[in-house]
């Protein structure tokens, strides 16, 4: 691979990272672990294990990134989490 091709690949990779947004889920004193886990499975397409790990991280750290991607994909997912009573935002 030439140096020019390596530089081009690096630029494309950096552009791809810039276009990524995140849904951050925040801890609250209202929702149960089961509700949070169910919502992460249905809304963010987590496995049961991923959802449980995120719920634990949110509980202990106060927040956790639960989904990364394009803003157009994340908006309806974040709205669904909010409608379910969870605290989340896109950053």
PDB file of N, CA and C in Angstrom:
ATOM      1  N   UNK A   1       0.851  -1.169   0.000  1.00  0.00           N
ATOM      2  CA  UNK A   1       0.000   0.000   0.000  1.00  0.00           C
ATOM      3  C   UNK A   1       0.898   1.233   0.000  1.00  0.00           C
ATOM      4  N   UNK A   2       0.592   2.166  -0.858  1.00  0.00           N
ATOM      5  CA  UNK A   2       1.405   3.380  -0.946  1.00  0.00           C
ATOM      6  C   UNK A   2       1.078   4.333   0.197  1.00  0.00           C
ATOM      7  N   UNK A   3       1.966   5.277   0.398  1.00  0.00           N
ATOM      8  CA  UNK A   3       1.770   6.284   1.442  1.00  0.00           C
ATOM      9  C   UNK A   3       0.521   7.096   1.172  1.00  0.00           C
ATOM     10  N   UNK A   4       0.273   7.404  -0.088  1.00  0.00           N
ATOM     11  CA  UNK A   4      -0.912   8.189  -0.464  1.00  0.00           C
ATOM     12  C   UNK A   4      -2.192   7.446  -0.086  1.00  0.00           C
ATOM     13  N   UNK A   5      -2.232   6.122  -0.332  1.00  0.00           N
ATOM     14  CA  UNK A   5      -3.408   5.327   0.021  1.00  0.00           C
ATOM     15  C   UNK A   5      -3.608   5.287   1.539  1.00  0.00           C
ATOM     16  N   UNK A   6      -2.509   5.199   2.304  1.00  0.00           N
ATOM     17  CA  UNK A   6      -2.605   5.180   3.755  1.00  0.00           C
ATOM     18  C   UNK A   6      -3.178   6.495   4.281  1.00  0.00           C
ATOM     19  N   UNK A   7      -2.724   7.599   3.727  1.00  0.00           N
ATOM     20  CA  UNK A   7      -3.220   8.909   4.147  1.00  0.00           C
ATOM     21  C   UNK A   7      -4.699   9.046   3.824  1.00  0.00           C
ATOM     22  N   UNK A   8      -5.104   8.600   2.659  1.00  0.00           N
ATOM     23  CA  UNK A   8      -6.507   8.672   2.261  1.00  0.00           C
ATOM     24  C   UNK A   8      -7.368   7.835   3.205  1.00  0.00           C
ATOM     25  N   UNK A   9      -6.913   6.648   3.563  1.00  0.00           N
ATOM     26  CA  UNK A   9      -7.660   5.793   4.497  1.00  0.00           C
ATOM     27  C   UNK A   9      -7.789   6.470   5.855  1.00  0.00           C
ATOM     28  N   UNK A  10      -6.730   7.112   6.330  1.00  0.00           N
ATOM     29  CA  UNK A  10      -6.759   7.766   7.624  1.00  0.00           C
ATOM     30  C   UNK A  10      -7.769   8.904   7.625  1.00  0.00           C
ATOM     31  N   UNK A  11      -7.815   9.680   6.581  1.00  0.00           N
ATOM     32  CA  UNK A  11      -8.756  10.794   6.480  1.00  0.00           C
ATOM     33  C   UNK A  11     -10.191  10.277   6.469  1.00  0.00           C
ATOM     34  N   UNK A  12     -10.478   9.242   5.718  1.00  0.00           N
ATOM     35  CA  UNK A  12     -11.823   8.681   5.668  1.00  0.00           C
ATOM     36  C   UNK A  12     -12.241   8.167   7.040  1.00  0.00           C
ATOM     37  N   UNK A  13     -11.335   7.532   7.750  1.00  0.00           N
ATOM     38  CA  UNK A  13     -11.640   7.009   9.080  1.00  0.00           C
ATOM     39  C   UNK A  13     -11.952   8.151  10.038  1.00  0.00           C
ATOM     40  N   UNK A  14     -11.179   9.223  10.010  1.00  0.00           N
ATOM     41  CA  UNK A  14     -11.419  10.362  10.886  1.00  0.00           C
ATOM     42  C   UNK A  14     -12.756  11.022  10.576  1.00  0.00           C
ATOM     43  N   UNK A  15     -13.129  11.136   9.300  1.00  0.00           N
ATOM     44  CA  UNK A  15     -14.418  11.710   8.922  1.00  0.00           C
ATOM     45  C   UNK A  15     -15.558  10.852   9.445  1.00  0.00           C
ATOM     46  N   UNK A  16     -15.391   9.554   9.383  1.00  0.00           N
ATOM     47  CA  UNK A  16     -16.415   8.638   9.860  1.00  0.00           C
ATOM     48  C   UNK A  16     -16.637   8.814  11.368  1.00  0.00           C
ATOM     49  N   UNK A  17     -15.583   9.018  12.131  1.00  0.00           N
ATOM     50  CA  UNK A  17     -15.702   9.206  13.569  1.00  0.00           C
ATOM     51  C   UNK A  17     -16.412  10.509  13.918  1.00  0.00           C
ATOM     52  N   UNK A  18     -16.173  11.552  13.152  1.00  0.00           N
ATOM     53  CA  UNK A  18     -16.770  12.856  13.422  1.00  0.00           C
ATOM     54  C   UNK A  18     -18.285  12.803  13.279  1.00  0.00           C
ATOM     55  N   UNK A  19     -18.806  11.983  12.387  1.00  0.00           N
ATOM     56  CA  UNK A  19     -20.233  11.923  12.110  1.00  0.00           C
ATOM     57  C   UNK A  19     -21.007  11.055  13.106  1.00  0.00           C
ATOM     58  N   UNK A  20     -20.348  10.520  14.101  1.00  0.00           N
ATOM     59  CA  UNK A  20     -21.004   9.655  15.068  1.00  0.00           C
ATOM     60  C   UNK A  20     -21.505  10.464  16.263  1.00  0.00           C
ATOM     61  N   UNK A  21     -22.722  10.195  16.646  1.00  0.00           N
ATOM     62  CA  UNK A  21     -23.301  10.789  17.847  1.00  0.00           C
ATOM     63  C   UNK A  21     -23.582   9.664  18.828  1.00  0.00           C
ATOM     64  N   UNK A  22     -23.938  10.033  20.051  1.00  0.00           N
ATOM     65  CA  UNK A  22     -24.182   9.035  21.096  1.00  0.00           C
ATOM     66  C   UNK A  22     -25.471   9.329  21.833  1.00  0.00           C
ATOM     67  N   UNK A  23     -26.184   8.265  22.207  1.00  0.00           N
ATOM     68  CA  UNK A  23     -27.265   8.401  23.176  1.00  0.00           C
ATOM     69  C   UNK A  23     -26.659   8.095  24.535  1.00  0.00           C
ATOM     70  N   UNK A  24     -26.790   9.059  25.438  1.00  0.00           N
ATOM     71  CA  UNK A  24     -26.312   8.875  26.805  1.00  0.00           C
ATOM     72  C   UNK A  24     -27.530   8.696  27.700  1.00  0.00           C
ATOM     73  N   UNK A  25     -27.530   7.617  28.457  1.00  0.00           N
ATOM     74  CA  UNK A  25     -28.601   7.321  29.400  1.00  0.00           C
ATOM     75  C   UNK A  25     -28.143   7.724  30.795  1.00  0.00           C
ATOM     76  N   UNK A  26     -29.014   8.410  31.531  1.00  0.00           N
ATOM     77  CA  UNK A  26     -28.678   8.911  32.863  1.00  0.00           C
ATOM     78  C   UNK A  26     -29.433   8.150  33.940  1.00  0.00           C
ATOM     79  N   UNK A  27     -28.825   8.084  35.103  1.00  0.00           N
ATOM     80  CA  UNK A  27     -29.430   7.421  36.249  1.00  0.00           C
ATOM     81  C   UNK A  27     -30.604   8.239  36.783  1.00  0.00           C
ATOM     82  N   UNK A  28     -31.588   7.549  37.331  1.00  0.00           N
ATOM     83  CA  UNK A  28     -32.693   8.207  38.030  1.00  0.00           C
ATOM     84  C   UNK A  28     -33.120   7.322  39.186  1.00  0.00           C
ATOM     85  N   UNK A  29     -33.986   7.854  40.012  1.00  0.00           N
ATOM     86  CA  UNK A  29     -34.454   7.097  41.178  1.00  0.00           C
ATOM     87  C   UNK A  29     -35.832   6.486  40.947  1.00  0.00           C
ATOM     88  N   UNK A  30     -36.277   6.478  39.697  1.00  0.00           N
ATOM     89  CA  UNK A  30     -37.645   6.075  39.381  1.00  0.00           C
ATOM     90  C   UNK A  30     -37.710   4.709  38.715  1.00  0.00           C
ATOM     91  N   UNK A  31     -36.905   4.504  37.692  1.00  0.00           N
ATOM     92  CA  UNK A  31     -37.021   3.299  36.866  1.00  0.00           C
ATOM     93  C   UNK A  31     -36.280   2.110  37.467  1.00  0.00           C
ATOM     94  N   UNK A  32     -36.876   0.940  37.302  1.00  0.00           N
ATOM     95  CA  UNK A  32     -36.263  -0.300  37.779  1.00  0.00           C
ATOM     96  C   UNK A  32     -35.209  -0.785  36.792  1.00  0.00           C
ATOM     97  N   UNK A  33     -34.326  -1.641  37.281  1.00  0.00           N
ATOM     98  CA  UNK A  33     -33.339  -2.252  36.399  1.00  0.00           C
ATOM     99  C   UNK A  33     -34.039  -3.000  35.265  1.00  0.00           C
ATOM    100  N   UNK A  34     -35.091  -3.736  35.598  1.00  0.00           N
ATOM    101  CA  UNK A  34     -35.803  -4.518  34.579  1.00  0.00           C
ATOM    102  C   UNK A  34     -36.363  -3.633  33.479  1.00  0.00           C
ATOM    103  N   UNK A  35     -36.941  -2.490  33.846  1.00  0.00           N
ATOM    104  CA  UNK A  35     -37.501  -1.575  32.842  1.00  0.00           C
ATOM    105  C   UNK A  35     -36.393  -1.021  31.948  1.00  0.00           C
ATOM    106  N   UNK A  36     -35.302  -0.600  32.552  1.00  0.00           N
ATOM    107  CA  UNK A  36     -34.180  -0.059  31.778  1.00  0.00           C
ATOM    108  C   UNK A  36     -33.645  -1.125  30.828  1.00  0.00           C
ATOM    109  N   UNK A  37     -33.459  -2.313  31.313  1.00  0.00           N
ATOM    110  CA  UNK A  37     -32.937  -3.413  30.489  1.00  0.00           C
ATOM    111  C   UNK A  37     -33.884  -3.712  29.331  1.00  0.00           C
ATOM    112  N   UNK A  38     -35.168  -3.816  29.611  1.00  0.00           N
ATOM    113  CA  UNK A  38     -36.153  -4.081  28.551  1.00  0.00           C
ATOM    114  C   UNK A  38     -36.126  -2.993  27.482  1.00  0.00           C
ATOM    115  N   UNK A  39     -36.019  -1.734  27.902  1.00  0.00           N
ATOM    116  CA  UNK A  39     -36.001  -0.626  26.943  1.00  0.00           C
ATOM    117  C   UNK A  39     -34.726  -0.626  26.100  1.00  0.00           C
ATOM    118  N   UNK A  40     -33.610  -0.961  26.694  1.00  0.00           N
ATOM    119  CA  UNK A  40     -32.363  -1.011  25.931  1.00  0.00           C
ATOM    120  C   UNK A  40     -32.385  -2.150  24.917  1.00  0.00           C
ATOM    121  N   UNK A  41     -32.985  -3.251  25.284  1.00  0.00           N
ATOM    122  CA  UNK A  41     -33.104  -4.377  24.353  1.00  0.00           C
ATOM    123  C   UNK A  41     -34.020  -4.000  23.187  1.00  0.00           C
ATOM    124  N   UNK A  42     -35.178  -3.430  23.494  1.00  0.00           N
ATOM    125  CA  UNK A  42     -36.147  -3.137  22.435  1.00  0.00           C
ATOM    126  C   UNK A  42     -35.793  -1.897  21.621  1.00  0.00           C
ATOM    127  N   UNK A  43     -35.171  -0.908  22.245  1.00  0.00           N
ATOM    128  CA  UNK A  43     -34.922   0.352  21.561  1.00  0.00           C
ATOM    129  C   UNK A  43     -33.538   0.436  20.931  1.00  0.00           C
ATOM    130  N   UNK A  44     -32.545  -0.058  21.631  1.00  0.00           N
ATOM    131  CA  UNK A  44     -31.161   0.075  21.160  1.00  0.00           C
ATOM    132  C   UNK A  44     -30.604  -1.229  20.595  1.00  0.00           C
ATOM    133  N   UNK A  45     -31.439  -2.259  20.548  1.00  0.00           N
ATOM    134  CA  UNK A  45     -31.053  -3.557  20.011  1.00  0.00           C
ATOM    135  C   UNK A  45     -29.888  -4.188  20.771  1.00  0.00           C
ATOM    136  N   UNK A  46     -29.860  -3.974  22.085  1.00  0.00           N
ATOM    137  CA  UNK A  46     -28.844  -4.605  22.923  1.00  0.00           C
ATOM    138  C   UNK A  46     -29.204  -6.068  23.154  1.00  0.00           C
ATOM    139  N   UNK A  47     -28.183  -6.862  23.422  1.00  0.00           N
ATOM    140  CA  UNK A  47     -28.441  -8.200  23.942  1.00  0.00           C
ATOM    141  C   UNK A  47     -28.813  -8.015  25.419  1.00  0.00           C
ATOM    142  N   UNK A  48     -29.334  -9.055  26.034  1.00  0.00           N
ATOM    143  CA  UNK A  48     -29.682  -8.974  27.449  1.00  0.00           C
ATOM    144  C   UNK A  48     -28.447  -8.637  28.285  1.00  0.00           C
ATOM    145  N   UNK A  49     -27.309  -9.217  27.927  1.00  0.00           N
ATOM    146  CA  UNK A  49     -26.073  -8.969  28.664  1.00  0.00           C
ATOM    147  C   UNK A  49     -25.610  -7.516  28.505  1.00  0.00           C
ATOM    148  N   UNK A  50     -25.664  -7.000  27.291  1.00  0.00           N
ATOM    149  CA  UNK A  50     -25.273  -5.605  27.057  1.00  0.00           C
ATOM    150  C   UNK A  50     -26.172  -4.656  27.840  1.00  0.00           C
ATOM    151  N   UNK A  51     -27.467  -4.909  27.786  1.00  0.00           N
ATOM    152  CA  UNK A  51     -28.424  -4.047  28.472  1.00  0.00           C
ATOM    153  C   UNK A  51     -28.198  -4.069  29.976  1.00  0.00           C
ATOM    154  N   UNK A  52     -27.945  -5.245  30.528  1.00  0.00           N
ATOM    155  CA  UNK A  52     -27.695  -5.355  31.961  1.00  0.00           C
ATOM    156  C   UNK A  52     -26.416  -4.615  32.351  1.00  0.00           C
ATOM    157  N   UNK A  53     -25.364  -4.754  31.544  1.00  0.00           N
ATOM    158  CA  UNK A  53     -24.113  -4.062  31.831  1.00  0.00           C
ATOM    159  C   UNK A  53     -24.302  -2.545  31.795  1.00  0.00           C
ATOM    160  N   UNK A  54     -25.046  -2.052  30.794  1.00  0.00           N
ATOM    161  CA  UNK A  54     -25.307  -0.613  30.709  1.00  0.00           C
ATOM    162  C   UNK A  54     -26.112  -0.131  31.910  1.00  0.00           C
ATOM    163  N   UNK A  55     -27.100  -0.902  32.334  1.00  0.00           N
ATOM    164  CA  UNK A  55     -27.905  -0.520  33.491  1.00  0.00           C
ATOM    165  C   UNK A  55     -27.043  -0.431  34.746  1.00  0.00           C
ATOM    166  N   UNK A  56     -26.115  -1.345  34.895  1.00  0.00           N
ATOM    167  CA  UNK A  56     -25.217  -1.328  36.051  1.00  0.00           C
ATOM    168  C   UNK A  56     -24.286  -0.117  35.979  1.00  0.00           C
ATOM    169  N   UNK A  57     -23.759   0.165  34.798  1.00  0.00           N
ATOM    170  CA  UNK A  57     -22.877   1.328  34.630  1.00  0.00           C
ATOM    171  C   UNK A  57     -23.631   2.615  34.943  1.00  0.00           C
ATOM    172  N   UNK A  58     -24.860   2.732  34.440  1.00  0.00           N
ATOM    173  CA  UNK A  58     -25.680   3.924  34.713  1.00  0.00           C
ATOM    174  C   UNK A  58     -25.905   4.062  36.216  1.00  0.00           C
ATOM    175  N   UNK A  59     -26.213   2.978  36.862  1.00  0.00           N
ATOM    176  CA  UNK A  59     -26.482   2.995  38.302  1.00  0.00           C
ATOM    177  C   UNK A  59     -25.259   3.462  39.101  1.00  0.00           C
ATOM    178  N   UNK A  60     -24.081   2.965  38.736  1.00  0.00           N
ATOM    179  CA  UNK A  60     -22.870   3.268  39.502  1.00  0.00           C
ATOM    180  C   UNK A  60     -22.181   4.562  39.075  1.00  0.00           C
ATOM    181  N   UNK A  61     -22.222   4.886  37.786  1.00  0.00           N
ATOM    182  CA  UNK A  61     -21.499   6.064  37.277  1.00  0.00           C
ATOM    183  C   UNK A  61     -22.403   7.258  37.001  1.00  0.00           C
ATOM    184  N   UNK A  62     -23.708   7.046  37.020  1.00  0.00           N
ATOM    185  CA  UNK A  62     -24.637   8.137  36.757  1.00  0.00           C
ATOM    186  C   UNK A  62     -25.010   8.306  35.307  1.00  0.00           C
ATOM    187  N   UNK A  63     -24.245   7.690  34.412  1.00  0.00           N
ATOM    188  CA  UNK A  63     -24.557   7.776  32.986  1.00  0.00           C
ATOM    189  C   UNK A  63     -23.782   6.717  32.220  1.00  0.00           C
ATOM    190  N   UNK A  64     -24.247   6.459  30.985  1.00  0.00           N
ATOM    191  CA  UNK A  64     -23.585   5.481  30.124  1.00  0.00           C
ATOM    192  C   UNK A  64     -24.000   5.743  28.679  1.00  0.00           C
ATOM    193  N   UNK A  65     -23.048   5.675  27.765  1.00  0.00           N
ATOM    194  CA  UNK A  65     -23.380   5.731  26.343  1.00  0.00           C
ATOM    195  C   UNK A  65     -23.992   4.386  25.973  1.00  0.00           C
ATOM    196  N   UNK A  66     -25.239   4.421  25.458  1.00  0.00           N
ATOM    197  CA  UNK A  66     -25.945   3.171  25.163  1.00  0.00           C
ATOM    198  C   UNK A  66     -26.081   2.894  23.668  1.00  0.00           C
ATOM    199  N   UNK A  67     -25.851   3.900  22.837  1.00  0.00           N
ATOM    200  CA  UNK A  67     -25.929   3.685  21.389  1.00  0.00           C
ATOM    201  C   UNK A  67     -25.127   4.766  20.698  1.00  0.00           C
ATOM    202  N   UNK A  68     -24.362   4.395  19.703  1.00  0.00           N
ATOM    203  CA  UNK A  68     -23.568   5.317  18.908  1.00  0.00           C
ATOM    204  C   UNK A  68     -23.969   5.152  17.451  1.00  0.00           C
ATOM    205  N   UNK A  69     -24.073   6.271  16.739  1.00  0.00           N
ATOM    206  CA  UNK A  69     -24.410   6.174  15.326  1.00  0.00           C
ATOM    207  C   UNK A  69     -24.772   7.507  14.726  1.00  0.00           C
ATOM    208  N   UNK A  70     -25.432   7.423  13.600  1.00  0.00           N
ATOM    209  CA  UNK A  70     -25.867   8.605  12.863  1.00  0.00           C
ATOM    210  C   UNK A  70     -27.052   9.254  13.575  1.00  0.00           C
ATOM    211  N   UNK A  71     -27.083  10.550  13.580  1.00  0.00           N
ATOM    212  CA  UNK A  71     -28.127  11.299  14.282  1.00  0.00           C
ATOM    213  C   UNK A  71     -29.535  10.896  13.823  1.00  0.00           C
ATOM    214  N   UNK A  72     -29.700  10.604  12.532  1.00  0.00           N
ATOM    215  CA  UNK A  72     -31.019  10.223  12.007  1.00  0.00           C
ATOM    216  C   UNK A  72     -31.498   8.905  12.611  1.00  0.00           C
ATOM    217  N   UNK A  73     -30.564   8.022  12.927  1.00  0.00           N
ATOM    218  CA  UNK A  73     -30.911   6.742  13.549  1.00  0.00           C
ATOM    219  C   UNK A  73     -31.163   6.919  15.051  1.00  0.00           C
ATOM    220  N   UNK A  74     -30.410   7.816  15.661  1.00  0.00           N
ATOM    221  CA  UNK A  74     -30.486   7.962  17.113  1.00  0.00           C
ATOM    222  C   UNK A  74     -31.700   8.748  17.598  1.00  0.00           C
ATOM    223  N   UNK A  75     -32.169   9.721  16.822  1.00  0.00           N
ATOM    224  CA  UNK A  75     -33.289  10.561  17.272  1.00  0.00           C
ATOM    225  C   UNK A  75     -34.528   9.760  17.651  1.00  0.00           C
ATOM    226  N   UNK A  76     -35.023   8.863  16.781  1.00  0.00           N
ATOM    227  CA  UNK A  76     -36.221   8.103  17.179  1.00  0.00           C
ATOM    228  C   UNK A  76     -35.963   7.151  18.347  1.00  0.00           C
ATOM    229  N   UNK A  77     -34.757   6.634  18.452  1.00  0.00           N
ATOM    230  CA  UNK A  77     -34.424   5.749  19.567  1.00  0.00           C
ATOM    231  C   UNK A  77     -34.432   6.533  20.885  1.00  0.00           C
ATOM    232  N   UNK A  78     -33.815   7.702  20.871  1.00  0.00           N
ATOM    233  CA  UNK A  78     -33.777   8.532  22.079  1.00  0.00           C
ATOM    234  C   UNK A  78     -35.189   8.962  22.465  1.00  0.00           C
ATOM    235  N   UNK A  79     -35.998   9.323  21.488  1.00  0.00           N
ATOM    236  CA  UNK A  79     -37.388   9.707  21.769  1.00  0.00           C
ATOM    237  C   UNK A  79     -38.150   8.571  22.435  1.00  0.00           C
ATOM    238  N   UNK A  80     -37.926   7.347  21.964  1.00  0.00           N
ATOM    239  CA  UNK A  80     -38.600   6.191  22.559  1.00  0.00           C
ATOM    240  C   UNK A  80     -38.162   5.980  24.007  1.00  0.00           C
ATOM    241  N   UNK A  81     -36.873   6.169  24.278  1.00  0.00           N
ATOM    242  CA  UNK A  81     -36.383   6.042  25.658  1.00  0.00           C
ATOM    243  C   UNK A  81     -37.014   7.110  26.547  1.00  0.00           C
ATOM    244  N   UNK A  82     -37.110   8.330  26.038  1.00  0.00           N
ATOM    245  CA  UNK A  82     -37.713   9.419  26.798  1.00  0.00           C
ATOM    246  C   UNK A  82     -39.205   9.163  27.052  1.00  0.00           C
ATOM    247  N   UNK A  83     -39.911   8.677  26.040  1.00  0.00           N
ATOM    248  CA  UNK A  83     -41.333   8.365  26.186  1.00  0.00           C
ATOM    249  C   UNK A  83     -41.557   7.267  27.211  1.00  0.00           C
ATOM    250  N   UNK A  84     -40.561   6.403  27.379  1.00  0.00           N
ATOM    251  CA  UNK A  84     -40.660   5.305  28.360  1.00  0.00           C
ATOM    252  C   UNK A  84     -40.279   5.776  29.763  1.00  0.00           C
ATOM    253  N   UNK A  85     -39.979   7.061  29.911  1.00  0.00           N
ATOM    254  CA  UNK A  85     -39.683   7.610  31.227  1.00  0.00           C
ATOM    255  C   UNK A  85     -38.215   7.596  31.622  1.00  0.00           C
ATOM    256  N   UNK A  86     -37.340   7.239  30.682  1.00  0.00           N
ATOM    257  CA  UNK A  86     -35.922   7.241  30.984  1.00  0.00           C
ATOM    258  C   UNK A  86     -35.327   8.614  30.712  1.00  0.00           C
ATOM    259  N   UNK A  87     -34.194   8.902  31.317  1.00  0.00           N
ATOM    260  CA  UNK A  87     -33.495  10.166  31.094  1.00  0.00           C
ATOM    261  C   UNK A  87     -32.344   9.901  30.121  1.00  0.00           C
ATOM    262  N   UNK A  88     -32.429  10.519  28.947  1.00  0.00           N
ATOM    263  CA  UNK A  88     -31.422  10.301  27.916  1.00  0.00           C
ATOM    264  C   UNK A  88     -31.296  11.540  27.050  1.00  0.00           C
ATOM    265  N   UNK A  89     -30.148  11.659  26.407  1.00  0.00           N
ATOM    266  CA  UNK A  89     -29.941  12.725  25.441  1.00  0.00           C
ATOM    267  C   UNK A  89     -28.952  12.290  24.388  1.00  0.00           C
ATOM    268  N   UNK A  90     -28.968  12.975  23.262  1.00  0.00           N
ATOM    269  CA  UNK A  90     -28.009  12.726  22.191  1.00  0.00           C
ATOM    270  C   UNK A  90     -26.911  13.771  22.302  1.00  0.00           C
ATOM    271  N   UNK A  91     -25.681  13.299  22.308  1.00  0.00           N
ATOM    272  CA  UNK A  91     -24.535  14.232  22.320  1.00  0.00           C
ATOM    273  C   UNK A  91     -23.665  13.992  21.107  1.00  0.00           C
TER     274      UNK A  91
END
